[in-house]
């Protein structure tokens, strides 16, 4: 039986100065996104995806250790916990791309998937990590993903996630399809002048 799923995508500008303390940067970006999530809920969005590492600007255009302070645990970190409450409040599936700390010094570019009842379903870690000039110094920050290409059964559809640069490699998208993903989300981020618009 055919069905319609209303999806929303947030691709936002950074909130505030990038030289502010990391916790202030994260707080400002989270607050900005919470307002956009409220707006999406009013419009009936059922599945919402935010941009890559949404709590910060795309910091990979530079190599500065201060950005290591932005890491969080998944699923036990504060941002995922907050988004679980938000998903439940709005009966909305939310894809939450953040900078993940697995253990001290082991960091990933990760998207947590939260179901419409607030349950944490799992995560996808970006597999393909660019490290090319100008301005894509991601290996300074992230290890390659090690979880494969999971598909997640949500309240509205079976979904997959493929983060930014992953889209240049068709094998993972094919595996997501073979794993039953009906919708594949590709959260991305960059800075002005580094990437061509699609």
N, C-alpha and C. Protein backbone atom coordinates (compact mmCIF):
# COMPACT_ATOMS: atom_id res chain seq x y z
N UNK A 1 0.85 -1.18 0.00
CA UNK A 1 0.00 0.00 0.00
C UNK A 1 0.89 1.24 0.00
N UNK A 2 0.67 2.16 -0.93
CA UNK A 2 1.47 3.39 -0.95
C UNK A 2 1.21 4.24 0.29
N UNK A 3 2.23 4.95 0.71
CA UNK A 3 2.07 5.86 1.84
C UNK A 3 2.93 7.09 1.62
N UNK A 4 2.62 8.13 2.33
CA UNK A 4 3.39 9.37 2.27
C UNK A 4 4.05 9.59 3.62
N UNK A 5 5.33 9.92 3.60
CA UNK A 5 6.06 10.27 4.81
C UNK A 5 6.56 11.69 4.62
N UNK A 6 6.24 12.55 5.57
CA UNK A 6 6.67 13.95 5.47
C UNK A 6 8.02 14.11 6.17
N UNK A 7 9.04 14.43 5.37
CA UNK A 7 10.41 14.58 5.87
C UNK A 7 10.80 16.05 5.91
N UNK A 8 11.63 16.38 6.85
CA UNK A 8 12.17 17.73 6.95
C UNK A 8 13.68 17.67 7.05
N UNK A 9 14.33 18.68 6.50
CA UNK A 9 15.79 18.79 6.54
C UNK A 9 16.16 20.16 7.07
N UNK A 10 17.09 20.20 7.98
CA UNK A 10 17.58 21.48 8.49
C UNK A 10 19.03 21.66 8.03
N UNK A 11 19.27 22.73 7.30
CA UNK A 11 20.62 23.12 6.88
C UNK A 11 20.77 24.56 7.32
N UNK A 12 21.32 24.78 8.50
CA UNK A 12 21.32 26.10 9.11
C UNK A 12 22.70 26.74 9.11
N UNK A 13 22.69 28.06 9.18
CA UNK A 13 23.93 28.78 9.40
C UNK A 13 24.32 28.64 10.87
N UNK A 14 25.57 28.88 11.15
CA UNK A 14 26.09 28.80 12.51
C UNK A 14 25.55 29.95 13.35
N UNK A 15 25.23 29.66 14.60
CA UNK A 15 24.70 30.67 15.51
C UNK A 15 25.83 31.22 16.38
N UNK A 16 26.26 32.43 16.09
CA UNK A 16 27.23 33.07 16.95
C UNK A 16 28.66 33.01 16.45
N UNK A 17 29.58 33.68 17.17
CA UNK A 17 30.98 33.73 16.74
C UNK A 17 31.69 32.40 16.96
N UNK A 18 32.57 32.03 16.04
CA UNK A 18 33.28 30.75 16.15
C UNK A 18 34.43 30.80 17.15
N UNK A 19 34.75 31.99 17.66
CA UNK A 19 35.82 32.07 18.66
C UNK A 19 35.28 32.05 20.09
N UNK A 20 33.98 31.87 20.24
CA UNK A 20 33.38 31.75 21.57
C UNK A 20 33.79 30.42 22.20
N UNK A 21 33.64 30.28 23.52
CA UNK A 21 33.91 28.98 24.14
C UNK A 21 33.03 27.89 23.51
N UNK A 22 33.57 26.69 23.40
CA UNK A 22 32.89 25.59 22.70
C UNK A 22 31.50 25.33 23.29
N UNK A 23 31.37 25.30 24.60
CA UNK A 23 30.05 25.02 25.19
C UNK A 23 29.04 26.10 24.82
N UNK A 24 29.47 27.36 24.72
CA UNK A 24 28.56 28.43 24.28
C UNK A 24 28.15 28.23 22.83
N UNK A 25 29.09 27.84 21.98
CA UNK A 25 28.79 27.58 20.57
C UNK A 25 27.76 26.47 20.46
N UNK A 26 27.98 25.38 21.19
CA UNK A 26 27.04 24.26 21.14
C UNK A 26 25.66 24.67 21.63
N UNK A 27 25.62 25.37 22.76
CA UNK A 27 24.34 25.80 23.33
C UNK A 27 23.57 26.68 22.34
N UNK A 28 24.25 27.62 21.70
CA UNK A 28 23.59 28.53 20.75
C UNK A 28 23.04 27.76 19.54
N UNK A 29 23.82 26.81 19.03
CA UNK A 29 23.36 26.03 17.88
C UNK A 29 22.21 25.10 18.23
N UNK A 30 22.27 24.50 19.40
CA UNK A 30 21.17 23.63 19.83
C UNK A 30 19.90 24.44 20.00
N UNK A 31 19.98 25.61 20.64
CA UNK A 31 18.80 26.46 20.81
C UNK A 31 18.20 26.85 19.46
N UNK A 32 19.06 27.22 18.53
CA UNK A 32 18.59 27.59 17.19
C UNK A 32 17.84 26.42 16.55
N UNK A 33 18.41 25.23 16.66
CA UNK A 33 17.79 24.06 16.05
C UNK A 33 16.49 23.66 16.75
N UNK A 34 16.42 23.84 18.06
CA UNK A 34 15.17 23.53 18.76
C UNK A 34 14.02 24.37 18.22
N UNK A 35 14.29 25.63 17.91
CA UNK A 35 13.26 26.47 17.30
C UNK A 35 12.84 25.96 15.94
N UNK A 36 13.80 25.50 15.15
CA UNK A 36 13.48 24.95 13.83
C UNK A 36 12.72 23.63 13.93
N UNK A 37 13.05 22.83 14.94
CA UNK A 37 12.32 21.58 15.16
C UNK A 37 10.87 21.89 15.52
N UNK A 38 10.65 22.88 16.36
CA UNK A 38 9.28 23.29 16.70
C UNK A 38 8.51 23.69 15.45
N UNK A 39 9.17 24.46 14.58
CA UNK A 39 8.54 24.88 13.33
C UNK A 39 8.22 23.67 12.46
N UNK A 40 9.15 22.73 12.36
CA UNK A 40 8.92 21.52 11.57
C UNK A 40 7.74 20.73 12.13
N UNK A 41 7.65 20.65 13.45
CA UNK A 41 6.53 19.93 14.08
C UNK A 41 5.20 20.58 13.72
N UNK A 42 5.16 21.92 13.73
CA UNK A 42 3.91 22.62 13.36
C UNK A 42 3.52 22.33 11.92
N UNK A 43 4.51 22.02 11.08
CA UNK A 43 4.24 21.72 9.67
C UNK A 43 3.99 20.23 9.42
N UNK A 44 3.96 19.44 10.48
CA UNK A 44 3.63 18.03 10.34
C UNK A 44 4.76 17.12 9.92
N UNK A 45 6.00 17.55 10.10
CA UNK A 45 7.15 16.72 9.73
C UNK A 45 7.18 15.47 10.62
N UNK A 46 7.39 14.32 9.99
CA UNK A 46 7.46 13.05 10.71
C UNK A 46 8.90 12.57 10.93
N UNK A 47 9.77 12.82 9.95
CA UNK A 47 11.19 12.47 10.08
C UNK A 47 12.00 13.72 9.76
N UNK A 48 12.89 14.08 10.69
CA UNK A 48 13.68 15.30 10.54
C UNK A 48 15.16 14.97 10.62
N UNK A 49 15.93 15.52 9.69
CA UNK A 49 17.38 15.33 9.68
C UNK A 49 18.06 16.69 9.76
N UNK A 50 18.99 16.81 10.70
CA UNK A 50 19.78 18.03 10.82
C UNK A 50 21.10 17.87 10.09
N UNK A 51 21.82 18.98 9.92
CA UNK A 51 23.07 18.90 9.16
C UNK A 51 24.18 18.23 9.96
N UNK A 52 25.21 17.84 9.24
CA UNK A 52 26.40 17.21 9.81
C UNK A 52 26.94 18.05 10.96
N UNK A 53 27.39 17.39 12.03
CA UNK A 53 27.90 18.02 13.25
C UNK A 53 27.14 19.32 13.58
N UNK A 54 25.83 19.18 13.79
CA UNK A 54 24.96 20.35 13.87
C UNK A 54 25.21 21.25 15.06
N UNK A 55 25.86 20.77 16.12
CA UNK A 55 26.06 21.61 17.30
C UNK A 55 27.19 22.61 17.15
N UNK A 56 27.92 22.52 16.05
CA UNK A 56 29.07 23.40 15.81
C UNK A 56 29.06 23.87 14.37
N UNK A 57 29.89 24.86 14.04
CA UNK A 57 30.10 25.14 12.63
C UNK A 57 30.90 23.98 12.04
N UNK A 58 31.04 23.95 10.72
CA UNK A 58 31.90 22.93 10.10
C UNK A 58 33.34 23.34 10.39
N UNK A 59 33.88 22.79 11.45
CA UNK A 59 35.21 23.18 11.94
C UNK A 59 36.36 22.50 11.20
N UNK A 60 36.06 21.59 10.30
CA UNK A 60 37.11 20.80 9.63
C UNK A 60 37.86 21.57 8.56
N UNK A 61 37.49 22.83 8.34
CA UNK A 61 38.24 23.67 7.40
C UNK A 61 39.54 24.16 8.03
N UNK A 62 39.72 23.87 9.32
CA UNK A 62 40.94 24.23 10.03
C UNK A 62 41.35 23.05 10.91
N UNK A 63 42.56 23.08 11.38
CA UNK A 63 43.04 22.03 12.28
C UNK A 63 43.38 22.66 13.62
N UNK A 64 42.39 22.65 14.53
CA UNK A 64 42.56 23.24 15.85
C UNK A 64 42.05 22.26 16.91
N UNK A 65 42.90 21.95 17.86
CA UNK A 65 42.53 20.98 18.89
C UNK A 65 41.39 21.45 19.78
N UNK A 66 41.09 22.74 19.79
CA UNK A 66 39.98 23.22 20.64
C UNK A 66 38.67 22.54 20.29
N UNK A 67 38.50 22.12 19.04
CA UNK A 67 37.23 21.49 18.64
C UNK A 67 37.04 20.10 19.25
N UNK A 68 38.12 19.52 19.77
CA UNK A 68 37.97 18.23 20.47
C UNK A 68 37.05 18.38 21.69
N UNK A 69 36.93 19.59 22.20
CA UNK A 69 36.04 19.84 23.34
C UNK A 69 34.57 19.67 22.98
N UNK A 70 34.24 19.60 21.70
CA UNK A 70 32.84 19.50 21.26
C UNK A 70 32.31 18.07 21.28
N UNK A 71 33.16 17.09 21.56
CA UNK A 71 32.72 15.69 21.49
C UNK A 71 31.73 15.35 22.60
N UNK A 72 30.88 14.36 22.30
CA UNK A 72 29.91 13.85 23.27
C UNK A 72 29.77 12.34 23.10
N UNK A 73 29.31 11.72 24.13
CA UNK A 73 28.98 10.30 24.07
C UNK A 73 27.62 10.12 23.38
N UNK A 74 27.48 8.99 22.71
CA UNK A 74 26.20 8.58 22.13
C UNK A 74 25.94 7.17 22.62
N UNK A 75 24.81 6.92 23.27
CA UNK A 75 23.61 7.74 23.40
C UNK A 75 23.51 8.52 24.70
N UNK A 76 24.53 8.46 25.55
CA UNK A 76 24.39 9.00 26.90
C UNK A 76 24.77 10.46 27.07
N UNK A 77 25.13 11.14 25.99
CA UNK A 77 25.50 12.55 26.08
C UNK A 77 24.28 13.45 26.15
N UNK A 78 24.49 14.70 26.54
CA UNK A 78 23.37 15.62 26.75
C UNK A 78 22.57 15.95 25.49
N UNK A 79 23.22 16.04 24.34
CA UNK A 79 22.48 16.41 23.13
C UNK A 79 21.54 15.30 22.69
N UNK A 80 22.01 14.07 22.69
CA UNK A 80 21.14 12.95 22.31
C UNK A 80 20.00 12.82 23.31
N UNK A 81 20.28 12.95 24.60
CA UNK A 81 19.21 12.88 25.61
C UNK A 81 18.16 13.96 25.36
N UNK A 82 18.61 15.19 25.09
CA UNK A 82 17.67 16.29 24.80
C UNK A 82 16.85 15.98 23.56
N UNK A 83 17.49 15.46 22.52
CA UNK A 83 16.76 15.16 21.29
C UNK A 83 15.81 13.98 21.45
N UNK A 84 16.10 13.08 22.38
CA UNK A 84 15.14 12.01 22.68
C UNK A 84 13.86 12.61 23.26
N UNK A 85 14.00 13.54 24.18
CA UNK A 85 12.83 14.22 24.76
C UNK A 85 12.07 14.98 23.68
N UNK A 86 12.82 15.65 22.81
CA UNK A 86 12.21 16.46 21.75
C UNK A 86 11.47 15.58 20.76
N UNK A 87 12.06 14.46 20.37
CA UNK A 87 11.42 13.53 19.44
C UNK A 87 10.11 13.01 20.02
N UNK A 88 10.15 12.62 21.28
CA UNK A 88 8.94 12.11 21.94
C UNK A 88 7.86 13.19 22.02
N UNK A 89 8.26 14.39 22.38
CA UNK A 89 7.31 15.51 22.49
C UNK A 89 6.55 15.73 21.19
N UNK A 90 7.24 15.59 20.06
CA UNK A 90 6.63 15.89 18.76
C UNK A 90 6.25 14.66 17.95
N UNK A 91 6.42 13.47 18.52
CA UNK A 91 6.18 12.21 17.78
C UNK A 91 6.92 12.26 16.44
N UNK A 92 8.17 12.63 16.50
CA UNK A 92 8.99 12.86 15.30
C UNK A 92 10.27 12.03 15.38
N UNK A 93 10.62 11.36 14.31
CA UNK A 93 11.93 10.71 14.20
C UNK A 93 12.95 11.82 13.95
N UNK A 94 14.05 11.81 14.70
CA UNK A 94 15.07 12.84 14.52
C UNK A 94 16.43 12.19 14.29
N UNK A 95 17.10 12.63 13.23
CA UNK A 95 18.47 12.20 12.94
C UNK A 95 19.39 13.29 13.48
N UNK A 96 20.27 12.91 14.40
CA UNK A 96 21.05 13.85 15.19
C UNK A 96 22.55 13.66 14.90
N UNK A 97 23.10 14.40 13.93
CA UNK A 97 24.52 14.29 13.61
C UNK A 97 25.38 15.12 14.57
N UNK A 98 26.23 14.44 15.34
CA UNK A 98 27.12 15.16 16.27
C UNK A 98 28.52 14.55 16.24
N UNK A 99 29.42 15.22 16.92
CA UNK A 99 30.81 14.81 17.05
C UNK A 99 30.88 13.84 18.24
N UNK A 100 31.11 12.57 17.95
CA UNK A 100 31.02 11.52 18.96
C UNK A 100 32.38 11.15 19.55
N UNK A 101 32.38 10.97 20.87
CA UNK A 101 33.54 10.40 21.56
C UNK A 101 33.19 8.98 21.96
N UNK A 102 33.91 8.01 21.41
CA UNK A 102 33.70 6.61 21.84
C UNK A 102 34.42 6.37 23.16
N UNK A 103 35.72 6.63 23.15
CA UNK A 103 36.54 6.65 24.37
C UNK A 103 37.50 7.82 24.21
N UNK A 104 38.23 8.14 25.24
CA UNK A 104 39.14 9.28 25.18
C UNK A 104 40.07 9.16 23.97
N UNK A 105 40.04 10.17 23.11
CA UNK A 105 40.91 10.23 21.94
C UNK A 105 40.40 9.50 20.71
N UNK A 106 39.27 8.82 20.80
CA UNK A 106 38.68 8.11 19.66
C UNK A 106 37.36 8.80 19.32
N UNK A 107 37.37 9.54 18.20
CA UNK A 107 36.23 10.39 17.83
C UNK A 107 35.70 10.02 16.45
N UNK A 108 34.38 10.18 16.30
CA UNK A 108 33.72 9.86 15.04
C UNK A 108 32.75 10.98 14.65
N UNK A 109 32.49 11.06 13.36
CA UNK A 109 31.45 11.92 12.80
C UNK A 109 30.22 11.02 12.70
N UNK A 110 29.27 11.21 13.59
CA UNK A 110 28.22 10.22 13.82
C UNK A 110 26.84 10.86 13.76
N UNK A 111 25.87 10.07 13.34
CA UNK A 111 24.46 10.48 13.40
C UNK A 111 23.70 9.47 14.25
N UNK A 112 23.11 9.95 15.34
CA UNK A 112 22.23 9.12 16.16
C UNK A 112 20.84 9.16 15.54
N UNK A 113 20.13 8.05 15.61
CA UNK A 113 18.77 7.97 15.08
C UNK A 113 17.83 7.73 16.26
N UNK A 114 16.86 8.63 16.40
CA UNK A 114 15.91 8.59 17.52
C UNK A 114 14.51 8.42 16.95
N UNK A 115 13.78 7.46 17.49
CA UNK A 115 12.43 7.18 16.99
C UNK A 115 11.42 8.19 17.54
N UNK A 116 10.22 8.14 16.99
CA UNK A 116 9.18 9.10 17.33
C UNK A 116 8.70 8.97 18.78
N UNK A 117 9.00 7.87 19.44
CA UNK A 117 8.65 7.72 20.86
C UNK A 117 9.81 8.10 21.78
N UNK A 118 10.89 8.63 21.19
CA UNK A 118 12.05 9.06 21.95
C UNK A 118 13.09 7.98 22.16
N UNK A 119 12.84 6.79 21.66
CA UNK A 119 13.80 5.69 21.83
C UNK A 119 15.00 5.86 20.92
N UNK A 120 16.18 5.68 21.49
CA UNK A 120 17.42 5.68 20.71
C UNK A 120 17.49 4.37 19.94
N UNK A 121 17.57 4.45 18.60
CA UNK A 121 17.58 3.25 17.76
C UNK A 121 18.98 2.77 17.39
N UNK A 122 19.93 3.67 17.36
CA UNK A 122 21.28 3.31 16.97
C UNK A 122 21.96 4.49 16.31
N UNK A 123 23.10 4.19 15.68
CA UNK A 123 23.87 5.28 15.09
C UNK A 123 24.59 4.80 13.84
N UNK A 124 24.94 5.78 13.02
CA UNK A 124 25.76 5.55 11.84
C UNK A 124 27.00 6.43 11.99
N UNK A 125 28.15 5.87 11.72
CA UNK A 125 29.41 6.63 11.73
C UNK A 125 29.90 6.81 10.30
N UNK A 126 30.22 8.04 9.97
CA UNK A 126 30.72 8.36 8.63
C UNK A 126 31.92 7.47 8.29
N UNK A 127 31.83 6.81 7.15
CA UNK A 127 32.87 5.87 6.74
C UNK A 127 34.00 6.51 5.96
N UNK A 128 33.67 7.43 5.08
CA UNK A 128 34.67 8.02 4.17
C UNK A 128 35.08 9.39 4.71
N UNK A 129 36.32 9.49 5.14
CA UNK A 129 36.79 10.71 5.81
C UNK A 129 37.74 11.45 4.88
N UNK A 130 37.32 12.60 4.33
CA UNK A 130 38.19 13.34 3.42
C UNK A 130 39.31 14.05 4.17
N UNK A 131 40.43 14.16 3.52
CA UNK A 131 41.56 14.91 4.07
C UNK A 131 42.30 15.50 2.89
N UNK A 132 41.72 16.56 2.33
CA UNK A 132 42.26 17.17 1.12
C UNK A 132 42.22 18.68 1.23
N UNK A 133 43.16 19.32 0.56
CA UNK A 133 43.17 20.78 0.50
C UNK A 133 42.24 21.21 -0.63
N UNK A 134 41.60 22.35 -0.54
CA UNK A 134 41.64 23.25 0.61
C UNK A 134 40.50 22.96 1.58
N UNK A 135 40.80 22.87 2.84
CA UNK A 135 39.78 22.95 3.87
C UNK A 135 38.99 21.74 4.26
N UNK A 136 39.38 20.55 3.88
CA UNK A 136 38.68 19.37 4.36
C UNK A 136 39.68 18.50 5.13
N UNK A 137 39.92 18.87 6.38
CA UNK A 137 40.94 18.21 7.20
C UNK A 137 40.28 17.27 8.21
N UNK A 138 39.40 16.42 7.74
CA UNK A 138 38.58 15.62 8.65
C UNK A 138 39.35 14.53 9.39
N UNK A 139 40.43 14.03 8.83
CA UNK A 139 41.19 12.98 9.53
C UNK A 139 41.88 13.53 10.78
N UNK A 140 41.98 14.84 10.88
CA UNK A 140 42.49 15.48 12.09
C UNK A 140 41.51 15.29 13.25
N UNK A 141 40.22 15.08 12.92
CA UNK A 141 39.16 15.02 13.92
C UNK A 141 38.48 13.66 14.05
N UNK A 142 38.34 12.93 12.96
CA UNK A 142 37.49 11.74 12.95
C UNK A 142 38.24 10.49 12.52
N UNK A 143 37.89 9.36 13.12
CA UNK A 143 38.31 8.05 12.62
C UNK A 143 37.23 7.59 11.64
N UNK A 144 37.57 6.72 10.68
CA UNK A 144 36.54 6.17 9.79
C UNK A 144 35.54 5.32 10.57
N UNK A 145 34.30 5.34 10.13
CA UNK A 145 33.26 4.57 10.79
C UNK A 145 33.55 3.08 10.79
N UNK A 146 32.97 2.39 11.77
CA UNK A 146 33.21 0.96 11.92
C UNK A 146 31.93 0.18 12.20
N UNK A 147 30.79 0.75 11.84
CA UNK A 147 29.51 0.11 12.13
C UNK A 147 28.79 -0.37 10.88
N UNK A 148 29.43 -0.28 9.73
CA UNK A 148 28.77 -0.70 8.50
C UNK A 148 27.71 0.30 8.08
N UNK A 149 26.65 -0.21 7.47
CA UNK A 149 25.59 0.63 6.90
C UNK A 149 24.24 0.17 7.43
N UNK A 150 23.94 0.48 8.69
CA UNK A 150 22.70 -0.02 9.28
C UNK A 150 21.47 0.71 8.74
N UNK A 151 20.37 -0.02 8.67
CA UNK A 151 19.06 0.58 8.39
C UNK A 151 18.25 0.49 9.68
N UNK A 152 17.44 1.50 9.92
CA UNK A 152 16.71 1.61 11.19
C UNK A 152 15.21 1.59 10.94
N UNK A 153 14.51 0.71 11.65
CA UNK A 153 13.06 0.67 11.58
C UNK A 153 12.50 1.75 12.49
N UNK A 154 11.90 2.77 11.90
CA UNK A 154 11.31 3.86 12.68
C UNK A 154 9.79 3.76 12.60
N UNK A 155 9.13 4.64 13.30
CA UNK A 155 7.67 4.66 13.31
C UNK A 155 7.08 4.92 11.93
N UNK A 156 7.84 5.54 11.04
CA UNK A 156 7.28 5.97 9.76
C UNK A 156 7.90 5.30 8.54
N UNK A 157 9.14 4.83 8.64
CA UNK A 157 9.81 4.21 7.49
C UNK A 157 11.10 3.55 7.97
N UNK A 158 11.62 2.68 7.16
CA UNK A 158 12.96 2.10 7.42
C UNK A 158 13.96 3.03 6.74
N UNK A 159 14.88 3.59 7.53
CA UNK A 159 15.76 4.63 7.01
C UNK A 159 17.24 4.26 7.16
N UNK A 160 18.05 4.93 6.35
CA UNK A 160 19.50 4.82 6.46
C UNK A 160 20.10 6.21 6.46
N UNK A 161 21.35 6.29 6.89
CA UNK A 161 22.07 7.57 6.93
C UNK A 161 23.42 7.36 6.25
N UNK A 162 23.81 8.37 5.50
CA UNK A 162 25.07 8.38 4.76
C UNK A 162 25.57 9.81 4.90
N UNK A 163 26.69 10.07 5.58
CA UNK A 163 27.06 11.44 5.94
C UNK A 163 27.97 12.08 4.88
N UNK A 164 27.56 13.23 4.39
CA UNK A 164 28.31 14.14 3.53
C UNK A 164 29.15 13.44 2.46
N UNK A 165 30.46 13.39 2.65
CA UNK A 165 31.39 12.87 1.65
C UNK A 165 31.11 11.41 1.28
N UNK A 166 30.44 10.68 2.15
CA UNK A 166 30.07 9.29 1.84
C UNK A 166 29.32 9.20 0.51
N UNK A 167 28.59 10.25 0.17
CA UNK A 167 27.75 10.21 -1.04
C UNK A 167 28.55 10.02 -2.33
N UNK A 168 29.85 10.26 -2.28
CA UNK A 168 30.70 10.08 -3.46
C UNK A 168 31.05 8.62 -3.72
N UNK A 169 30.64 7.75 -2.82
CA UNK A 169 30.98 6.32 -2.91
C UNK A 169 29.68 5.52 -2.94
N UNK A 170 29.31 4.95 -4.08
CA UNK A 170 27.99 4.33 -4.22
C UNK A 170 27.81 3.02 -3.46
N UNK A 171 28.88 2.37 -3.06
CA UNK A 171 28.74 1.06 -2.44
C UNK A 171 27.90 1.10 -1.17
N UNK A 172 28.13 2.09 -0.32
CA UNK A 172 27.38 2.19 0.93
C UNK A 172 25.91 2.44 0.70
N UNK A 173 25.60 3.30 -0.27
CA UNK A 173 24.19 3.55 -0.59
C UNK A 173 23.53 2.27 -1.09
N UNK A 174 24.26 1.50 -1.87
CA UNK A 174 23.73 0.22 -2.36
C UNK A 174 23.47 -0.72 -1.19
N UNK A 175 24.40 -0.78 -0.24
CA UNK A 175 24.22 -1.65 0.92
C UNK A 175 23.02 -1.20 1.74
N UNK A 176 22.84 0.12 1.90
CA UNK A 176 21.66 0.61 2.62
C UNK A 176 20.39 0.12 1.95
N UNK A 177 20.36 0.18 0.61
CA UNK A 177 19.20 -0.33 -0.12
C UNK A 177 19.01 -1.82 0.10
N UNK A 178 20.09 -2.58 0.05
CA UNK A 178 20.00 -4.02 0.29
C UNK A 178 19.58 -4.33 1.72
N UNK A 179 19.90 -3.42 2.65
CA UNK A 179 19.48 -3.57 4.04
C UNK A 179 18.05 -3.11 4.27
N UNK A 180 17.38 -2.69 3.19
CA UNK A 180 15.96 -2.36 3.29
C UNK A 180 15.63 -0.91 3.54
N UNK A 181 16.63 -0.02 3.49
CA UNK A 181 16.33 1.40 3.72
C UNK A 181 15.40 1.92 2.62
N UNK A 182 14.29 2.51 3.04
CA UNK A 182 13.34 3.11 2.11
C UNK A 182 13.69 4.57 1.81
N UNK A 183 14.30 5.22 2.79
CA UNK A 183 14.73 6.61 2.65
C UNK A 183 16.16 6.68 3.18
N UNK A 184 17.04 7.36 2.45
CA UNK A 184 18.41 7.55 2.90
C UNK A 184 18.65 9.05 3.07
N UNK A 185 19.09 9.43 4.26
CA UNK A 185 19.38 10.83 4.56
C UNK A 185 20.89 11.06 4.47
N UNK A 186 21.27 12.25 3.98
CA UNK A 186 22.68 12.59 3.81
C UNK A 186 22.97 13.94 4.45
N UNK A 187 23.08 13.98 5.80
CA UNK A 187 23.43 15.25 6.42
C UNK A 187 24.82 15.69 5.99
N UNK A 188 24.94 16.96 5.66
CA UNK A 188 26.20 17.51 5.14
C UNK A 188 26.47 18.87 5.76
N UNK A 189 27.74 19.27 5.72
CA UNK A 189 28.11 20.61 6.16
C UNK A 189 29.39 21.02 5.44
N UNK A 190 29.57 22.31 5.32
CA UNK A 190 30.79 22.87 4.72
C UNK A 190 30.86 24.34 5.15
N UNK A 191 31.82 25.05 4.61
CA UNK A 191 31.88 26.50 4.81
C UNK A 191 31.83 27.16 3.44
N UNK A 192 31.39 28.40 3.42
CA UNK A 192 31.24 29.12 2.16
C UNK A 192 32.53 29.11 1.36
N UNK A 193 32.41 28.83 0.07
CA UNK A 193 33.54 28.86 -0.83
C UNK A 193 34.29 27.55 -0.99
N UNK A 194 34.04 26.57 -0.10
CA UNK A 194 34.76 25.30 -0.20
C UNK A 194 34.09 24.31 -1.14
N UNK A 195 32.78 24.37 -1.24
CA UNK A 195 32.04 23.36 -2.01
C UNK A 195 31.18 24.01 -3.06
N UNK A 196 30.95 23.28 -4.13
CA UNK A 196 30.00 23.73 -5.15
C UNK A 196 28.60 23.33 -4.71
N UNK A 197 27.63 24.20 -4.98
CA UNK A 197 26.25 23.87 -4.67
C UNK A 197 25.75 22.86 -5.68
N UNK A 198 24.97 21.90 -5.20
CA UNK A 198 24.41 20.88 -6.09
C UNK A 198 23.25 21.44 -6.89
